Every structure is written in C-alpha cells, then in structure tokens.
Amino acid sequence: MDRAVIAVEKALEMHGAPIYVRKEIVHNKHVVSSLQQRGAIFVNEVDEVPEGARLVFSAHGVSPAVVQASIDRGLQTIDATCPLVTKVHREVQRFAAEDYDILLIGHEGHEEVEGTAGEAPDNVQLVDGQKGIDSVTIRDPNKVVWLSQTTLSVDETYETVEKLKLKIPTLINPPSDDICYATQNRQVAIKKVAVEAELVIVVGSANSSNTVRLVEVALENGAKAAYRVDYATEIKDEWFADVYSVGVTSGASVPEVLVDEVLEDLAKRGYGDVQIVQTAEEDVQFSLPKELRKDLKAAGQDTSNKIKR
C-alpha cells in the first residue's frame, strides 16, 4: 500500500495541488486526511474531476469502464493499482478470453471487487458468503475457476472454496495465490499472538477489510477481547481490567507512526516490555507507476527506487 500513497505524494511534489484521487487511495483515515491536507482531492467518480486534470487510480484498481471514462474526459491518469490486484485483473482477462465462468470470492461493494469484476462482467460471479455460494450457476463444469479479492481472510477464503468444491467438484484453482502477502502475514502472526494475549488491539480503519478481519481472527484464536482503533487516543481504560498481556497488530495500509503511538500509550499503562512476533520477512518491492516514472525521468530525477506495496 505504501506504493499507492507515495504515488500521490510524488504527484503532488511534481505537479502541485490539486491532485485528484478516485476513491480512497488506501482504506486508512489517517492517510487520506494527511493527503487531503497536502492538496489531494478524493472523488467517487470520474465525472467529478475537471476535464484535463490529473487523476490517480487507487490501490484497489478500477474497471476498464472507468479507464475509458477518464480517457473520454481528457484526464491525465496515474495508475496506482497494487500490482497484486493487477495480477488478478490479468487472470480475469485470461480466463474470460477462454470463456470460463469466474467465481470471484470477495465483499460486495468493495472497490477492488468492482474493478476486478468489471474486467469481464459477463463471466464473473461474485461469491460473498453462503448466499453467494447458493446462487452460483455455471455453464460448463469443466470451465469454471475461482479467484479472490486480495485483502480477504485466508481461512475464510479457503472455507468458501471448499464449500464451492462440494457444489462444483471440477472447480479449478487460480494459477497462484491471490491474497496479499501482507494480509496473510498479519493473520498468521495474530493467531500466534492471540493465544498469549488477553487483549488485542488492531490499528486500522473500519472500512479496511483486512483490518476488520484481524479483529475477528484474534477472537477466533484465543484472545479474550479485541478492538480496532484508528488512533491511540481511542484506547479505553476499561479494556485493561485483569489484562496481563496485550497484542498489537495493524492493517496492511497503516503507517508505522500510528502503531508506535499505540505502543507508547501501552508503555504508559505498564505494558512496556515488547516482544516482536514475526512470521515472515516482507521484502517484496514494486516500482512506482509508469506514468510517474516517465515524469521523473523527464525531470532528470531517479526512477530506480523500489517501494513496498
């Protein structure tokens, strides 16, 4: 997610305000507010952007219809779609070209799902919970594949897949795992933490799928209580009655400074002995969007830096 945020920051540095962003660049209240203060303007639809202005597509991706609407409006676009989301889009294109039925596991209304499904609306069926499983219809049992939203719960996704396979035994797995490595790593880690912690605090925003799921994973794996906060100031005194150990984690798009503030608050409450639980090394890096690299190169600036998702 860092990549998308840095893309907006770089655009503001190079081109000045305003820079328009379709939807929230990432699902984090602090990040969005900080960028607004610097001159980013967040919009829901392309037609809210003045003709010829510069527009950034969020990390969650957009459909071809949105891309075309931007072209028709003469907008200068910067595609900050997460490369992992782009990979899923390419998989949809590939399977749709071969006329597969594509079962997309995800949350209805989520921007990523809308963008992914928009790649081939005639081939994609959204599967959101048991109701989605029950409503699935296929044309050819030998040509049906499942894909997923990248920020889902790993366990929940594979539980859905198993139910789908009971209904459609010939269901094909995607060529590679679609769920974001940062989402997976946090879920694996919080399972270990929850066993030892009476209380788990998850830093992140309410509209972040992976943040909300971390609260659920903590409760499912032994934590007696788990709460989500955007900021340390939202932590409540009454949470700490009979609590000897506290687990802390964050959503994939949360700045480290917000986690540090929570740790500082906990230290003041007597929970200053910190043990880091790390289940994987996150060293995956991506280049800036090609539009920004082109602008940076034209300005004689370095374009070789790699950044996190």
Protein backbone atom coordinates (compact mmCIF):
# COMPACT_ATOMS: atom_id res chain seq x y z
CA MET A 1 0.00 0.00 0.00
CA ASP A 2 2.99 2.31 0.51
CA ARG A 3 3.41 2.41 -3.25
CA ALA A 4 -0.01 3.99 -3.85
CA VAL A 5 0.43 6.60 -1.12
CA ILE A 6 3.90 7.53 -2.37
CA ALA A 7 2.45 7.84 -5.87
CA VAL A 8 0.07 10.57 -4.68
CA GLU A 9 2.84 12.29 -2.71
CA LYS A 10 5.16 12.27 -5.73
CA ALA A 11 2.39 13.60 -7.97
CA LEU A 12 1.80 16.47 -5.56
CA GLU A 13 5.52 17.22 -5.42
CA MET A 14 5.95 17.21 -9.18
CA HIS A 15 2.71 18.78 -10.36
CA GLY A 16 1.37 20.66 -7.35
CA ALA A 17 -2.16 20.68 -5.95
CA PRO A 18 -4.77 19.72 -6.68
CA ILE A 19 -4.23 16.07 -7.49
CA TYR A 20 -7.49 14.15 -7.76
CA VAL A 21 -7.79 10.58 -6.44
CA ARG A 22 -10.64 8.23 -7.32
CA LYS A 23 -11.96 6.69 -4.09
CA GLU A 24 -9.70 6.45 -1.04
CA ILE A 25 -6.11 5.77 -2.13
CA VAL A 26 -5.96 3.16 0.65
CA HIS A 27 -8.53 2.38 3.33
CA ASN A 28 -6.99 4.36 6.16
CA LYS A 29 -8.47 7.50 7.70
CA HIS A 30 -5.11 9.00 8.74
CA VAL A 31 -3.51 8.53 5.32
CA VAL A 32 -6.46 10.08 3.50
CA SER A 33 -6.62 13.04 5.87
CA SER A 34 -2.88 13.67 5.56
CA LEU A 35 -3.04 13.68 1.77
CA GLN A 36 -6.06 15.98 1.78
CA GLN A 37 -4.08 18.48 3.83
CA ARG A 38 -1.37 18.42 1.16
CA GLY A 39 -3.80 19.09 -1.68
CA ALA A 40 -5.25 15.74 -2.74
CA ILE A 41 -8.95 15.78 -3.58
CA PHE A 42 -10.78 12.48 -3.25
CA VAL A 43 -13.74 11.82 -5.53
CA ASN A 44 -16.11 8.93 -6.02
CA GLU A 45 -16.49 9.11 -9.78
CA VAL A 46 -14.54 10.35 -12.79
CA ASP A 47 -17.16 12.95 -13.75
CA GLU A 48 -16.36 14.87 -10.54
CA VAL A 49 -12.86 15.63 -11.88
CA PRO A 50 -12.39 18.75 -14.05
CA GLU A 51 -11.61 17.97 -17.68
CA GLY A 52 -7.88 17.72 -18.34
CA ALA A 53 -6.97 17.41 -14.64
CA ARG A 54 -4.63 14.78 -13.18
CA LEU A 55 -6.32 11.74 -11.57
CA VAL A 56 -4.79 8.90 -9.55
CA PHE A 57 -6.46 5.49 -9.52
CA SER A 58 -6.36 3.99 -6.01
CA ALA A 59 -4.51 0.86 -4.91
CA HIS A 60 -7.73 -1.14 -5.24
CA GLY A 61 -7.85 -0.83 -9.03
CA VAL A 62 -10.55 0.21 -11.49
CA SER A 63 -12.57 -1.38 -14.27
CA PRO A 64 -11.97 -0.78 -17.98
CA ALA A 65 -15.13 1.35 -17.99
CA VAL A 66 -13.54 3.77 -15.51
CA VAL A 67 -10.36 3.90 -17.58
CA GLN A 68 -12.38 4.71 -20.70
CA ALA A 69 -14.41 7.37 -18.88
CA SER A 70 -11.14 9.02 -17.83
CA ILE A 71 -9.89 8.99 -21.43
CA ASP A 72 -13.18 10.46 -22.67
CA ARG A 73 -12.84 13.27 -20.13
CA GLY A 74 -9.27 14.02 -21.20
CA LEU A 75 -7.81 13.26 -17.79
CA GLN A 76 -4.12 12.69 -17.14
CA THR A 77 -4.20 9.45 -15.17
CA ILE A 78 -1.71 7.80 -12.84
CA ASP A 79 -2.49 4.14 -12.18
CA ALA A 80 -1.51 3.34 -8.58
CA THR A 81 -3.28 -0.03 -8.62
CA CYS A 82 -1.45 -2.55 -6.45
CA PRO A 83 0.45 -4.94 -8.74
CA LEU A 84 -1.11 -7.86 -6.85
CA VAL A 85 -4.56 -6.57 -7.80
CA THR A 86 -3.40 -6.05 -11.38
CA LYS A 87 -2.34 -9.72 -11.39
CA VAL A 88 -5.90 -10.75 -10.55
CA HIS A 89 -7.23 -8.48 -13.32
CA ARG A 90 -4.92 -10.24 -15.78
CA GLU A 91 -6.19 -13.62 -14.58
CA VAL A 92 -9.79 -12.50 -15.18
CA GLN A 93 -8.89 -11.35 -18.68
CA ARG A 94 -7.15 -14.64 -19.43
CA PHE A 95 -9.96 -16.90 -18.20
CA ALA A 96 -12.67 -14.72 -19.76
CA ALA A 97 -10.88 -14.94 -23.11
CA GLU A 98 -11.24 -18.73 -22.82
CA ASP A 99 -14.91 -18.26 -21.83
CA TYR A 100 -14.61 -19.64 -18.30
CA ASP A 101 -17.13 -18.91 -15.57
CA ILE A 102 -15.13 -16.99 -12.95
CA LEU A 103 -16.22 -17.18 -9.31
CA LEU A 104 -14.80 -14.11 -7.57
CA ILE A 105 -14.69 -14.54 -3.79
CA GLY A 106 -14.97 -11.11 -2.16
CA HIS A 107 -17.10 -8.48 -0.46
CA GLU A 108 -19.93 -6.90 -2.40
CA GLY A 109 -19.42 -3.15 -2.89
CA HIS A 110 -15.67 -3.20 -2.26
CA GLU A 111 -13.76 -1.08 -4.80
CA GLU A 112 -11.36 -3.90 -5.61
CA VAL A 113 -14.19 -6.31 -6.37
CA GLU A 114 -15.95 -3.76 -8.58
CA GLY A 115 -12.77 -3.13 -10.56
CA THR A 116 -11.92 -6.82 -10.94
CA ALA A 117 -15.43 -7.89 -11.92
CA GLY A 118 -15.54 -5.02 -14.40
CA GLU A 119 -12.82 -6.70 -16.46
CA ALA A 120 -15.35 -9.31 -17.64
CA PRO A 121 -18.80 -8.70 -16.17
CA ASP A 122 -20.43 -11.39 -18.33
CA ASN A 123 -18.08 -14.07 -16.97
CA VAL A 124 -17.63 -13.05 -13.32
CA GLN A 125 -19.98 -14.04 -10.50
CA LEU A 126 -19.36 -12.57 -7.04
CA VAL A 127 -19.36 -15.06 -4.18
CA ASP A 128 -19.89 -13.22 -0.90
CA GLY A 129 -20.78 -15.68 1.84
CA GLN A 130 -23.20 -18.60 1.80
CA LYS A 131 -25.83 -16.70 -0.17
CA GLY A 132 -23.29 -16.18 -2.94
CA ILE A 133 -22.41 -19.87 -2.96
CA ASP A 134 -26.06 -20.86 -3.21
CA SER A 135 -26.70 -18.52 -6.14
CA VAL A 136 -23.77 -19.69 -8.30
CA THR A 137 -24.74 -21.05 -11.71
CA ILE A 138 -22.29 -22.41 -14.28
CA ARG A 139 -22.48 -23.26 -17.96
CA ASP A 140 -19.72 -25.85 -18.29
CA PRO A 141 -18.41 -27.72 -15.20
CA ASN A 142 -15.07 -28.15 -16.95
CA LYS A 143 -14.58 -24.42 -17.41
CA VAL A 144 -15.01 -22.77 -14.03
CA VAL A 145 -12.30 -21.16 -11.88
CA TRP A 146 -12.23 -19.26 -8.60
CA LEU A 147 -10.30 -16.05 -7.89
CA SER A 148 -10.35 -13.80 -4.84
CA GLN A 149 -10.17 -10.27 -3.54
CA THR A 150 -6.58 -9.76 -2.36
CA THR A 151 -7.39 -8.50 1.14
CA LEU A 152 -9.58 -11.36 2.36
CA SER A 153 -9.08 -13.70 5.28
CA VAL A 154 -7.02 -16.67 4.19
CA ASP A 155 -9.03 -19.11 6.31
CA GLU A 156 -12.40 -17.72 5.28
CA THR A 157 -11.44 -17.79 1.61
CA TYR A 158 -10.43 -21.44 1.65
CA GLU A 159 -13.51 -22.34 3.67
CA THR A 160 -15.57 -20.77 0.88
CA VAL A 161 -13.53 -22.64 -1.74
CA GLU A 162 -14.18 -25.97 -0.01
CA LYS A 163 -17.94 -25.28 0.01
CA LEU A 164 -17.81 -24.30 -3.66
CA LYS A 165 -15.98 -27.54 -4.50
CA LEU A 166 -18.69 -29.57 -2.81
CA LYS A 167 -21.10 -27.93 -5.22
CA ILE A 168 -18.72 -27.90 -8.21
CA PRO A 169 -16.10 -30.68 -7.83
CA THR A 170 -14.39 -29.62 -11.07
CA LEU A 171 -13.72 -26.08 -9.83
CA ILE A 172 -10.20 -25.01 -10.86
CA ASN A 173 -7.79 -23.22 -8.52
CA PRO A 174 -6.14 -19.99 -9.71
CA PRO A 175 -2.60 -20.28 -11.10
CA SER A 176 -1.25 -18.62 -7.94
CA ASP A 177 -2.45 -17.39 -4.55
CA ASP A 178 -4.26 -14.07 -4.94
CA ILE A 179 -4.38 -12.98 -1.30
CA CYS A 180 -1.93 -10.19 -0.47
CA TYR A 181 1.23 -11.38 1.31
CA ALA A 182 0.92 -8.53 3.86
CA THR A 183 -2.63 -9.62 4.69
CA GLN A 184 -1.57 -13.26 5.05
CA ASN A 185 1.46 -12.46 7.20
CA ARG A 186 -0.57 -10.38 9.65
CA GLN A 187 -3.23 -13.05 10.01
CA VAL A 188 -0.65 -15.77 10.66
CA ALA A 189 1.10 -13.60 13.25
CA ILE A 190 -2.04 -12.56 15.10
CA LYS A 191 -3.02 -16.21 15.51
CA LYS A 192 0.18 -16.75 17.49
CA VAL A 193 -0.25 -13.54 19.46
CA ALA A 194 -3.90 -14.18 20.33
CA VAL A 195 -3.08 -17.39 22.18
CA GLU A 196 -0.95 -15.43 24.68
CA ALA A 197 -2.88 -12.15 24.88
CA GLU A 198 -5.96 -11.36 26.93
CA LEU A 199 -6.42 -8.22 24.83
CA VAL A 200 -5.58 -7.49 21.18
CA ILE A 201 -5.59 -4.01 19.71
CA VAL A 202 -5.75 -3.73 15.92
CA VAL A 203 -4.74 -0.40 14.41
CA GLY A 204 -6.63 0.47 11.24
CA SER A 205 -9.81 1.91 9.78
CA ALA A 206 -13.31 0.46 9.82
CA ASN A 207 -13.59 0.32 6.03
CA SER A 208 -10.41 -1.76 5.70
CA SER A 209 -11.38 -5.40 5.06
CA ASN A 210 -8.07 -6.81 6.26
CA THR A 211 -8.12 -4.67 9.44
CA VAL A 212 -11.62 -5.75 10.43
CA ARG A 213 -10.73 -9.36 9.75
CA LEU A 214 -7.71 -9.16 12.08
CA VAL A 215 -10.07 -8.41 14.98
CA GLU A 216 -12.11 -11.47 14.08
CA VAL A 217 -9.03 -13.70 13.68
CA ALA A 218 -7.75 -12.62 17.11
CA LEU A 219 -11.05 -13.52 18.78
CA GLU A 220 -11.27 -16.83 16.91
CA ASN A 221 -7.79 -17.83 18.08
CA GLY A 222 -7.87 -17.23 21.81
CA ALA A 223 -7.92 -13.51 22.59
CA LYS A 224 -10.49 -12.72 25.28
CA ALA A 225 -11.09 -9.29 23.75
CA ALA A 226 -10.03 -7.48 20.58
CA TYR A 227 -10.70 -3.92 19.49
CA ARG A 228 -9.97 -1.79 16.43
CA VAL A 229 -8.70 1.78 16.74
CA ASP A 230 -7.63 4.40 14.22
CA TYR A 231 -5.58 6.26 16.81
CA ALA A 232 -4.11 5.62 20.27
CA THR A 233 -6.49 8.25 21.68
CA GLU A 234 -9.37 5.83 21.06
CA ILE A 235 -7.99 3.26 23.53
CA LYS A 236 -10.27 2.93 26.58
CA ASP A 237 -9.22 2.39 30.19
CA GLU A 238 -11.87 -0.24 30.84
CA TRP A 239 -10.28 -2.61 28.32
CA PHE A 240 -7.40 -3.37 30.70
CA ALA A 241 -9.18 -4.91 33.69
CA ASP A 242 -7.39 -8.18 34.55
CA VAL A 243 -5.24 -7.91 31.42
CA TYR A 244 -1.62 -9.06 31.76
CA SER A 245 -0.58 -9.19 28.13
CA VAL A 246 -1.67 -7.10 25.14
CA GLY A 247 -1.20 -7.97 21.48
CA VAL A 248 -0.88 -5.23 18.86
CA THR A 249 -1.15 -5.51 15.10
CA SER A 250 -2.26 -3.30 12.22
CA GLY A 251 -3.94 -3.38 8.85
CA ALA A 252 -1.81 -3.53 5.73
CA SER A 253 -2.19 0.18 4.91
CA VAL A 254 -1.48 1.61 8.37
CA PRO A 255 1.51 3.97 8.80
CA GLU A 256 4.02 2.74 11.40
CA VAL A 257 3.73 6.00 13.33
CA LEU A 258 0.18 5.09 14.36
CA VAL A 259 1.33 1.71 15.70
CA ASP A 260 4.19 3.40 17.55
CA GLU A 261 1.72 5.76 19.24
CA VAL A 262 -0.32 2.79 20.44
CA LEU A 263 2.82 1.14 21.83
CA GLU A 264 3.72 4.39 23.62
CA ASP A 265 0.24 4.52 25.17
CA LEU A 266 0.56 0.91 26.32
CA ALA A 267 4.00 1.59 27.82
CA LYS A 268 2.48 4.34 29.95
CA ARG A 269 -0.08 1.82 31.18
CA GLY A 270 2.66 -0.59 32.24
CA TYR A 271 2.86 -2.73 29.13
CA GLY A 272 6.31 -1.62 28.06
CA ASP A 273 8.01 -4.98 27.59
CA VAL A 274 7.58 -5.54 23.83
CA GLN A 275 8.14 -8.89 22.14
CA ILE A 276 8.02 -8.85 18.32
CA VAL A 277 6.27 -11.77 16.64
CA GLN A 278 7.36 -12.05 13.01
CA THR A 279 6.26 -14.94 10.83
CA ALA A 280 7.70 -13.74 7.51
CA GLU A 281 10.06 -11.15 6.09
CA GLU A 282 8.16 -8.66 3.91
CA ASP A 283 10.73 -7.76 1.29
CA VAL A 284 8.51 -7.59 -1.80
CA GLN A 285 9.04 -4.31 -3.62
CA PHE A 286 7.48 -2.66 -6.65
CA SER A 287 8.32 0.23 -8.92
CA LEU A 288 6.36 3.47 -8.95
CA PRO A 289 3.52 3.69 -11.51
CA LYS A 290 4.88 4.00 -15.04
CA GLU A 291 3.30 7.44 -15.53
CA LEU A 292 5.27 8.83 -12.58
CA ARG A 293 8.48 7.13 -13.67
CA LYS A 294 8.10 8.83 -17.06
CA ASP A 295 7.58 12.25 -15.41
CA LEU A 296 10.52 11.71 -13.04
CA LYS A 297 12.77 10.70 -15.91
CA ALA A 298 11.75 13.80 -17.89
CA ALA A 299 12.63 15.91 -14.85
CA GLY A 300 16.03 14.20 -14.53
CA GLN A 301 15.13 12.52 -11.24
CA ASP A 302 15.93 9.00 -10.06
CA THR A 303 13.36 6.40 -11.14
CA SER A 304 15.15 3.29 -9.89
CA ASN A 305 13.86 3.27 -6.31
CA LYS A 306 11.72 0.29 -5.32
CA ILE A 307 8.98 0.66 -2.74
CA LYS A 308 6.68 -1.62 -0.81
CA ARG A 309 3.17 -2.41 -1.91
